[in-house]
């Protein structure tokens, strides 16, 4: 386990929230606005997380927000194995921290457009970060075409410097409620919203418009009824475009 993970969640709540500029937006939603991608790194074994889990339900009701809950597994040793937890999401969270250079890995942590982070239960800080938005970025859409879901990415706008980015697809379950029997949240029933059950790369973008067709049967697994596409610089850098399709909470 990385040394920075030894910092307690309570200590992390006292750390300052970073605010990075250039939050990417998708003009397909509204000219110059949205969607903002909010990734909540949470855990069923984290007593500080339920307020952030509840806040996520409110955030994703905003029309310009794509919210994803990603349950990590590094608190499983506290007595409860997270039924939604994945080491993949723990690695993603660490990769974000390494890319930012601040080493801050904690729960509940909201990462916004891959650039800035905030304690997920601190609504004022999260709201402020989400308002720190830049110009509209790479347009993206997702739509149904027969037995496939088609992802379309537009040409690189003049204000985007990125030359290459990865297209990630998240398979999403709108809501999962879990009764916690052990650990810090013993006796609680907690609901998680837009739970990412799988995250996979679907292609690369080099600044030119492209179209990717994905079979529905490949996307709607483990109870997923919706999916989101994220266009992310360097695989784990800024998110410069996003779109969603299907049944997702708040959509």
C-alpha atoms as a PDB file:
ATOM      1  CA  UNK A   1       0.000   0.000   0.000  1.00  0.00           C
ATOM      2  CA  UNK A   2       1.387   3.450  -0.896  1.00  0.00           C
ATOM      3  CA  UNK A   3       2.523   5.500   2.082  1.00  0.00           C
ATOM      4  CA  UNK A   4       0.081   8.330   1.394  1.00  0.00           C
ATOM      5  CA  UNK A   5      -2.763   5.904   1.946  1.00  0.00           C
ATOM      6  CA  UNK A   6      -1.778   5.734   5.608  1.00  0.00           C
ATOM      7  CA  UNK A   7      -3.139   9.243   6.091  1.00  0.00           C
ATOM      8  CA  UNK A   8      -6.474   8.963   7.851  1.00  0.00           C
ATOM      9  CA  UNK A   9      -9.685  10.185   6.290  1.00  0.00           C
ATOM     10  CA  UNK A  10     -10.060  12.628   9.177  1.00  0.00           C
ATOM     11  CA  UNK A  11      -6.643  14.111   8.447  1.00  0.00           C
ATOM     12  CA  UNK A  12      -7.490  14.398   4.785  1.00  0.00           C
ATOM     13  CA  UNK A  13     -10.581  16.423   5.650  1.00  0.00           C
ATOM     14  CA  UNK A  14      -8.271  19.148   6.945  1.00  0.00           C
ATOM     15  CA  UNK A  15      -6.190  19.361   3.787  1.00  0.00           C
ATOM     16  CA  UNK A  16      -6.849  22.183   1.398  1.00  0.00           C
ATOM     17  CA  UNK A  17      -8.883  21.462  -1.690  1.00  0.00           C
ATOM     18  CA  UNK A  18      -7.133  22.048  -4.994  1.00  0.00           C
ATOM     19  CA  UNK A  19      -8.867  23.865  -7.790  1.00  0.00           C
ATOM     20  CA  UNK A  20      -7.494  23.371 -11.326  1.00  0.00           C
ATOM     21  CA  UNK A  21      -8.563  25.405 -14.288  1.00  0.00           C
ATOM     22  CA  UNK A  22      -9.753  24.323 -17.692  1.00  0.00           C
ATOM     23  CA  UNK A  23     -12.624  22.043 -16.732  1.00  0.00           C
ATOM     24  CA  UNK A  24     -13.793  20.569 -20.017  1.00  0.00           C
ATOM     25  CA  UNK A  25     -17.373  20.955 -21.204  1.00  0.00           C
ATOM     26  CA  UNK A  26     -19.392  19.428 -23.994  1.00  0.00           C
ATOM     27  CA  UNK A  27     -21.190  21.873 -26.313  1.00  0.00           C
ATOM     28  CA  UNK A  28     -23.582  19.093 -27.319  1.00  0.00           C
ATOM     29  CA  UNK A  29     -25.426  19.698 -24.035  1.00  0.00           C
ATOM     30  CA  UNK A  30     -25.521  23.498 -24.160  1.00  0.00           C
ATOM     31  CA  UNK A  31     -23.337  26.059 -25.862  1.00  0.00           C
ATOM     32  CA  UNK A  32     -20.289  26.525 -23.701  1.00  0.00           C
ATOM     33  CA  UNK A  33     -21.567  24.408 -20.807  1.00  0.00           C
ATOM     34  CA  UNK A  34     -21.384  20.780 -19.660  1.00  0.00           C
ATOM     35  CA  UNK A  35     -21.231  18.027 -19.092  1.00  0.00           C
ATOM     36  CA  UNK A  36     -18.935  18.174 -16.094  1.00  0.00           C
ATOM     37  CA  UNK A  37     -17.691  14.725 -15.091  1.00  0.00           C
ATOM     38  CA  UNK A  38     -17.658  14.078 -11.336  1.00  0.00           C
ATOM     39  CA  UNK A  39     -16.047  10.832 -10.174  1.00  0.00           C
ATOM     40  CA  UNK A  40     -16.743   9.970  -6.539  1.00  0.00           C
ATOM     41  CA  UNK A  41     -14.204   7.618  -4.970  1.00  0.00           C
ATOM     42  CA  UNK A  42     -16.064   6.098  -2.055  1.00  0.00           C
ATOM     43  CA  UNK A  43     -16.167   3.008   0.148  1.00  0.00           C
ATOM     44  CA  UNK A  44     -18.723   1.060   2.143  1.00  0.00           C
ATOM     45  CA  UNK A  45     -16.090   0.830   4.883  1.00  0.00           C
ATOM     46  CA  UNK A  46     -15.725   4.604   5.224  1.00  0.00           C
ATOM     47  CA  UNK A  47     -17.800   6.305   7.916  1.00  0.00           C
ATOM     48  CA  UNK A  48     -17.183   9.723   6.308  1.00  0.00           C
ATOM     49  CA  UNK A  49     -18.567   8.649   2.934  1.00  0.00           C
ATOM     50  CA  UNK A  50     -22.392   8.450   3.319  1.00  0.00           C
ATOM     51  CA  UNK A  51     -22.908  12.257   3.132  1.00  0.00           C
ATOM     52  CA  UNK A  52     -20.927  12.339  -0.125  1.00  0.00           C
ATOM     53  CA  UNK A  53     -22.861   9.348  -1.485  1.00  0.00           C
ATOM     54  CA  UNK A  54     -26.106  11.225  -0.776  1.00  0.00           C
ATOM     55  CA  UNK A  55     -24.738  14.418  -2.334  1.00  0.00           C
ATOM     56  CA  UNK A  56     -23.914  12.517  -5.526  1.00  0.00           C
ATOM     57  CA  UNK A  57     -27.623  11.841  -5.993  1.00  0.00           C
ATOM     58  CA  UNK A  58     -28.246  15.599  -5.989  1.00  0.00           C
ATOM     59  CA  UNK A  59     -25.321  16.439  -8.264  1.00  0.00           C
ATOM     60  CA  UNK A  60     -26.313  14.084 -11.033  1.00  0.00           C
ATOM     61  CA  UNK A  61     -29.773  15.571 -11.241  1.00  0.00           C
ATOM     62  CA  UNK A  62     -28.143  18.647 -12.762  1.00  0.00           C
ATOM     63  CA  UNK A  63     -28.445  18.407 -16.527  1.00  0.00           C
ATOM     64  CA  UNK A  64     -24.807  19.296 -17.178  1.00  0.00           C
ATOM     65  CA  UNK A  65     -23.311  16.696 -14.838  1.00  0.00           C
ATOM     66  CA  UNK A  66     -22.231  13.121 -15.500  1.00  0.00           C
ATOM     67  CA  UNK A  67     -21.590  11.567 -12.094  1.00  0.00           C
ATOM     68  CA  UNK A  68     -19.941   8.198 -11.471  1.00  0.00           C
ATOM     69  CA  UNK A  69     -19.487   6.368  -8.176  1.00  0.00           C
ATOM     70  CA  UNK A  70     -16.297   4.299  -8.044  1.00  0.00           C
ATOM     71  CA  UNK A  71     -15.951   2.153  -4.938  1.00  0.00           C
ATOM     72  CA  UNK A  72     -12.365   1.504  -3.859  1.00  0.00           C
ATOM     73  CA  UNK A  73     -11.111  -1.541  -1.969  1.00  0.00           C
ATOM     74  CA  UNK A  74      -8.312  -0.245   0.252  1.00  0.00           C
ATOM     75  CA  UNK A  75     -10.529   0.108   3.362  1.00  0.00           C
ATOM     76  CA  UNK A  76     -11.663  -3.523   3.257  1.00  0.00           C
ATOM     77  CA  UNK A  77      -9.274  -4.380   6.087  1.00  0.00           C
ATOM     78  CA  UNK A  78     -11.462  -2.381   8.524  1.00  0.00           C
ATOM     79  CA  UNK A  79     -13.881  -5.287   8.824  1.00  0.00           C
ATOM     80  CA  UNK A  80     -16.184  -5.056   5.813  1.00  0.00           C
ATOM     81  CA  UNK A  81     -15.404  -6.062   2.258  1.00  0.00           C
ATOM     82  CA  UNK A  82     -16.955  -3.506  -0.093  1.00  0.00           C
ATOM     83  CA  UNK A  83     -19.446  -5.396  -2.264  1.00  0.00           C
ATOM     84  CA  UNK A  84     -18.897  -2.874  -5.090  1.00  0.00           C
ATOM     85  CA  UNK A  85     -15.198  -2.286  -4.471  1.00  0.00           C
ATOM     86  CA  UNK A  86     -12.585  -2.708  -7.173  1.00  0.00           C
ATOM     87  CA  UNK A  87      -8.793  -2.524  -7.117  1.00  0.00           C
ATOM     88  CA  UNK A  88      -9.101  -1.024 -10.605  1.00  0.00           C
ATOM     89  CA  UNK A  89     -10.750   2.066  -9.154  1.00  0.00           C
ATOM     90  CA  UNK A  90      -8.168   2.268  -6.348  1.00  0.00           C
ATOM     91  CA  UNK A  91      -5.451   2.298  -9.027  1.00  0.00           C
ATOM     92  CA  UNK A  92      -7.328   4.946 -11.001  1.00  0.00           C
ATOM     93  CA  UNK A  93      -7.542   7.172  -7.939  1.00  0.00           C
ATOM     94  CA  UNK A  94      -3.822   6.754  -7.236  1.00  0.00           C
ATOM     95  CA  UNK A  95      -3.027   7.506 -10.860  1.00  0.00           C
ATOM     96  CA  UNK A  96      -4.978  10.763 -10.620  1.00  0.00           C
ATOM     97  CA  UNK A  97      -3.010  11.746  -7.513  1.00  0.00           C
ATOM     98  CA  UNK A  98       0.294  10.937  -9.230  1.00  0.00           C
ATOM     99  CA  UNK A  99      -0.712  12.894 -12.331  1.00  0.00           C
ATOM    100  CA  UNK A 100      -1.684  15.938 -10.256  1.00  0.00           C
ATOM    101  CA  UNK A 101       1.486  15.584  -8.229  1.00  0.00           C
ATOM    102  CA  UNK A 102      -0.182  16.109  -4.855  1.00  0.00           C
ATOM    103  CA  UNK A 103      -0.387  12.466  -3.752  1.00  0.00           C
ATOM    104  CA  UNK A 104      -3.781  13.004  -2.153  1.00  0.00           C
ATOM    105  CA  UNK A 105      -5.770   9.753  -2.048  1.00  0.00           C
ATOM    106  CA  UNK A 106      -8.704   9.622   0.359  1.00  0.00           C
ATOM    107  CA  UNK A 107     -12.410   8.936   0.667  1.00  0.00           C
ATOM    108  CA  UNK A 108     -14.791  10.488  -0.041  1.00  0.00           C
ATOM    109  CA  UNK A 109     -12.957  12.208  -2.882  1.00  0.00           C
ATOM    110  CA  UNK A 110     -14.622  13.798  -5.895  1.00  0.00           C
ATOM    111  CA  UNK A 111     -12.412  14.231  -8.952  1.00  0.00           C
ATOM    112  CA  UNK A 112     -13.856  16.759 -11.375  1.00  0.00           C
ATOM    113  CA  UNK A 113     -13.086  16.489 -15.095  1.00  0.00           C
ATOM    114  CA  UNK A 114      -9.863  14.691 -14.201  1.00  0.00           C
ATOM    115  CA  UNK A 115      -8.254  17.944 -13.089  1.00  0.00           C
ATOM    116  CA  UNK A 116      -9.281  19.013  -9.610  1.00  0.00           C
ATOM    117  CA  UNK A 117     -10.495  17.269  -6.476  1.00  0.00           C
ATOM    118  CA  UNK A 118     -12.489  18.045  -3.375  1.00  0.00           C
ATOM    119  CA  UNK A 119     -13.761  16.275  -0.271  1.00  0.00           C
ATOM    120  CA  UNK A 120     -17.028  14.837  -1.548  1.00  0.00           C
ATOM    121  CA  UNK A 121     -19.073  15.817   1.504  1.00  0.00           C
ATOM    122  CA  UNK A 122     -17.955  19.471   1.400  1.00  0.00           C
ATOM    123  CA  UNK A 123     -20.614  20.803  -0.890  1.00  0.00           C
ATOM    124  CA  UNK A 124     -19.368  24.379  -1.002  1.00  0.00           C
ATOM    125  CA  UNK A 125     -15.927  23.315  -2.193  1.00  0.00           C
ATOM    126  CA  UNK A 126     -17.335  20.888  -4.730  1.00  0.00           C
ATOM    127  CA  UNK A 127     -19.720  23.532  -6.086  1.00  0.00           C
ATOM    128  CA  UNK A 128     -16.903  26.071  -6.325  1.00  0.00           C
ATOM    129  CA  UNK A 129     -14.705  23.626  -8.204  1.00  0.00           C
ATOM    130  CA  UNK A 130     -17.498  22.855 -10.648  1.00  0.00           C
ATOM    131  CA  UNK A 131     -17.949  26.563 -11.350  1.00  0.00           C
ATOM    132  CA  UNK A 132     -14.287  26.924 -12.281  1.00  0.00           C
ATOM    133  CA  UNK A 133     -15.116  26.000 -15.873  1.00  0.00           C
ATOM    134  CA  UNK A 134     -13.330  26.873 -19.107  1.00  0.00           C
ATOM    135  CA  UNK A 135     -14.504  27.089 -22.672  1.00  0.00           C
ATOM    136  CA  UNK A 136     -16.447  24.331 -24.425  1.00  0.00           C
ATOM    137  CA  UNK A 137     -14.253  21.433 -25.427  1.00  0.00           C
ATOM    138  CA  UNK A 138     -14.437  18.383 -27.685  1.00  0.00           C
ATOM    139  CA  UNK A 139     -18.041  17.545 -28.705  1.00  0.00           C
ATOM    140  CA  UNK A 140     -19.164  13.967 -28.063  1.00  0.00           C
ATOM    141  CA  UNK A 141     -22.402  12.040 -28.446  1.00  0.00           C
ATOM    142  CA  UNK A 142     -23.643   8.528 -27.695  1.00  0.00           C
ATOM    143  CA  UNK A 143     -26.665   7.065 -29.466  1.00  0.00           C
ATOM    144  CA  UNK A 144     -28.361   3.772 -30.218  1.00  0.00           C
ATOM    145  CA  UNK A 145     -28.027   2.199 -33.637  1.00  0.00           C
ATOM    146  CA  UNK A 146     -29.704  -1.204 -33.832  1.00  0.00           C
ATOM    147  CA  UNK A 147     -27.801  -3.617 -31.626  1.00  0.00           C
ATOM    148  CA  UNK A 148     -24.978  -1.152 -31.083  1.00  0.00           C
ATOM    149  CA  UNK A 149     -24.220   2.009 -29.159  1.00  0.00           C
ATOM    150  CA  UNK A 150     -22.355   4.527 -31.294  1.00  0.00           C
ATOM    151  CA  UNK A 151     -19.843   6.961 -29.808  1.00  0.00           C
ATOM    152  CA  UNK A 152     -19.012   9.966 -31.968  1.00  0.00           C
ATOM    153  CA  UNK A 153     -16.181  12.346 -31.173  1.00  0.00           C
ATOM    154  CA  UNK A 154     -15.754  15.623 -33.017  1.00  0.00           C
ATOM    155  CA  UNK A 155     -12.678  17.349 -34.426  1.00  0.00           C
ATOM    156  CA  UNK A 156     -10.294  19.086 -32.075  1.00  0.00           C
ATOM    157  CA  UNK A 157     -11.511  22.632 -31.416  1.00  0.00           C
ATOM    158  CA  UNK A 158      -9.049  25.479 -31.774  1.00  0.00           C
ATOM    159  CA  UNK A 159      -8.908  26.021 -28.013  1.00  0.00           C
ATOM    160  CA  UNK A 160      -7.861  22.423 -27.250  1.00  0.00           C
ATOM    161  CA  UNK A 161      -4.131  21.717 -27.213  1.00  0.00           C
ATOM    162  CA  UNK A 162      -4.380  17.969 -26.626  1.00  0.00           C
ATOM    163  CA  UNK A 163      -3.369  15.890 -29.617  1.00  0.00           C
ATOM    164  CA  UNK A 164      -4.287  12.436 -28.324  1.00  0.00           C
ATOM    165  CA  UNK A 165      -6.736  11.078 -25.779  1.00  0.00           C
ATOM    166  CA  UNK A 166      -8.247   7.773 -24.667  1.00  0.00           C
ATOM    167  CA  UNK A 167     -11.962   7.021 -24.960  1.00  0.00           C
ATOM    168  CA  UNK A 168     -13.096   5.292 -21.769  1.00  0.00           C
ATOM    169  CA  UNK A 169     -16.471   3.585 -21.469  1.00  0.00           C
ATOM    170  CA  UNK A 170     -18.076   3.169 -18.045  1.00  0.00           C
ATOM    171  CA  UNK A 171     -20.903   0.657 -17.591  1.00  0.00           C
ATOM    172  CA  UNK A 172     -23.319   2.128 -15.066  1.00  0.00           C
ATOM    173  CA  UNK A 173     -25.963   0.827 -12.649  1.00  0.00           C
ATOM    174  CA  UNK A 174     -28.256   3.766 -11.713  1.00  0.00           C
ATOM    175  CA  UNK A 175     -28.676   2.863  -8.031  1.00  0.00           C
ATOM    176  CA  UNK A 176     -27.407   0.176  -5.683  1.00  0.00           C
ATOM    177  CA  UNK A 177     -28.501  -0.003  -2.033  1.00  0.00           C
ATOM    178  CA  UNK A 178     -26.359  -2.026   0.370  1.00  0.00           C
ATOM    179  CA  UNK A 179     -26.947  -3.072   3.976  1.00  0.00           C
ATOM    180  CA  UNK A 180     -23.639  -2.868   5.822  1.00  0.00           C
ATOM    181  CA  UNK A 181     -23.205  -5.631   8.411  1.00  0.00           C
ATOM    182  CA  UNK A 182     -19.703  -4.869   9.732  1.00  0.00           C
ATOM    183  CA  UNK A 183     -17.094  -2.146   9.879  1.00  0.00           C
ATOM    184  CA  UNK A 184     -17.491   1.598  10.385  1.00  0.00           C
ATOM    185  CA  UNK A 185     -20.960   1.717   8.836  1.00  0.00           C
ATOM    186  CA  UNK A 186     -22.428  -1.269  10.685  1.00  0.00           C
ATOM    187  CA  UNK A 187     -26.226  -1.293  10.605  1.00  0.00           C
ATOM    188  CA  UNK A 188     -26.568   1.327   7.876  1.00  0.00           C
ATOM    189  CA  UNK A 189     -28.246   0.910   4.515  1.00  0.00           C
ATOM    190  CA  UNK A 190     -26.420   3.106   2.020  1.00  0.00           C
ATOM    191  CA  UNK A 191     -27.417   3.921  -1.546  1.00  0.00           C
ATOM    192  CA  UNK A 192     -24.863   4.518  -4.289  1.00  0.00           C
ATOM    193  CA  UNK A 193     -25.751   6.310  -7.505  1.00  0.00           C
ATOM    194  CA  UNK A 194     -24.474   5.770 -11.059  1.00  0.00           C
ATOM    195  CA  UNK A 195     -22.232   2.967  -9.874  1.00  0.00           C
ATOM    196  CA  UNK A 196     -19.517   2.147 -12.397  1.00  0.00           C
ATOM    197  CA  UNK A 197     -19.394  -1.635 -12.646  1.00  0.00           C
ATOM    198  CA  UNK A 198     -16.764  -1.722 -15.345  1.00  0.00           C
ATOM    199  CA  UNK A 199     -14.456   0.788 -17.011  1.00  0.00           C
ATOM    200  CA  UNK A 200     -12.726  -0.045 -20.266  1.00  0.00           C
ATOM    201  CA  UNK A 201     -10.770   1.769 -22.998  1.00  0.00           C
ATOM    202  CA  UNK A 202     -12.595   1.725 -26.323  1.00  0.00           C
ATOM    203  CA  UNK A 203     -10.228   3.575 -28.615  1.00  0.00           C
ATOM    204  CA  UNK A 204      -7.927   6.536 -29.121  1.00  0.00           C
ATOM    205  CA  UNK A 205      -8.583   9.980 -30.537  1.00  0.00           C
ATOM    206  CA  UNK A 206      -5.914  11.992 -32.327  1.00  0.00           C
ATOM    207  CA  UNK A 207      -7.773  15.232 -32.883  1.00  0.00           C
ATOM    208  CA  UNK A 208      -9.803  14.057 -35.863  1.00  0.00           C
ATOM    209  CA  UNK A 209     -13.494  13.181 -35.780  1.00  0.00           C
ATOM    210  CA  UNK A 210     -14.163   9.479 -35.289  1.00  0.00           C
ATOM    211  CA  UNK A 211     -16.991   7.020 -34.792  1.00  0.00           C
ATOM    212  CA  UNK A 212     -16.886   3.883 -32.644  1.00  0.00           C
ATOM    213  CA  UNK A 213     -19.669   1.270 -32.581  1.00  0.00           C
ATOM    214  CA  UNK A 214     -19.942  -0.956 -29.501  1.00  0.00           C
ATOM    215  CA  UNK A 215     -22.275  -3.978 -29.140  1.00  0.00           C
ATOM    216  CA  UNK A 216     -24.955  -3.434 -26.498  1.00  0.00           C
ATOM    217  CA  UNK A 217     -24.323  -6.901 -25.087  1.00  0.00           C
ATOM    218  CA  UNK A 218     -20.774  -5.801 -24.309  1.00  0.00           C
ATOM    219  CA  UNK A 219     -21.915  -2.702 -22.450  1.00  0.00           C
ATOM    220  CA  UNK A 220     -24.912  -3.759 -20.400  1.00  0.00           C
ATOM    221  CA  UNK A 221     -23.308  -6.219 -17.984  1.00  0.00           C
ATOM    222  CA  UNK A 222     -23.539  -6.732 -14.201  1.00  0.00           C
ATOM    223  CA  UNK A 223     -26.891  -4.964 -14.061  1.00  0.00           C
ATOM    224  CA  UNK A 224     -25.737  -1.918 -16.026  1.00  0.00           C
ATOM    225  CA  UNK A 225     -28.517  -0.086 -17.872  1.00  0.00           C
ATOM    226  CA  UNK A 226     -26.518   2.985 -18.899  1.00  0.00           C
ATOM    227  CA  UNK A 227     -23.041   3.939 -19.984  1.00  0.00           C
ATOM    228  CA  UNK A 228     -20.820   6.981 -20.174  1.00  0.00           C
ATOM    229  CA  UNK A 229     -17.985   7.840 -22.546  1.00  0.00           C
ATOM    230  CA  UNK A 230     -15.064   9.909 -21.288  1.00  0.00           C
ATOM    231  CA  UNK A 231     -12.422  11.452 -23.547  1.00  0.00           C
ATOM    232  CA  UNK A 232      -9.343  11.655 -21.379  1.00  0.00           C
ATOM    233  CA  UNK A 233      -5.945  13.085 -22.257  1.00  0.00           C
ATOM    234  CA  UNK A 234      -3.141  10.593 -21.799  1.00  0.00           C
ATOM    235  CA  UNK A 235      -5.457   7.995 -20.324  1.00  0.00           C
ATOM    236  CA  UNK A 236      -5.644   9.599 -16.851  1.00  0.00           C
ATOM    237  CA  UNK A 237      -5.306  13.333 -17.540  1.00  0.00           C
ATOM    238  CA  UNK A 238      -7.923  16.030 -18.093  1.00  0.00           C
ATOM    239  CA  UNK A 239     -11.309  14.929 -19.400  1.00  0.00           C
ATOM    240  CA  UNK A 240     -11.910  17.024 -22.526  1.00  0.00           C
ATOM    241  CA  UNK A 241     -15.210  15.526 -23.652  1.00  0.00           C
ATOM    242  CA  UNK A 242     -17.996  13.304 -22.326  1.00  0.00           C
ATOM    243  CA  UNK A 243     -21.376  11.840 -23.209  1.00  0.00           C
ATOM    244  CA  UNK A 244     -23.847   9.331 -21.784  1.00  0.00           C
ATOM    245  CA  UNK A 245     -26.486   6.903 -23.035  1.00  0.00           C
ATOM    246  CA  UNK A 246     -29.204   4.710 -21.535  1.00  0.00           C
ATOM    247  CA  UNK A 247     -30.717   4.673 -18.072  1.00  0.00           C
ATOM    248  CA  UNK A 248     -28.563   6.505 -15.569  1.00  0.00           C
ATOM    249  CA  UNK A 249     -29.682   8.171 -12.377  1.00  0.00           C
ATOM    250  CA  UNK A 250     -30.454  11.808 -12.961  1.00  0.00           C
ATOM    251  CA  UNK A 251     -30.404  11.472 -16.744  1.00  0.00           C
END
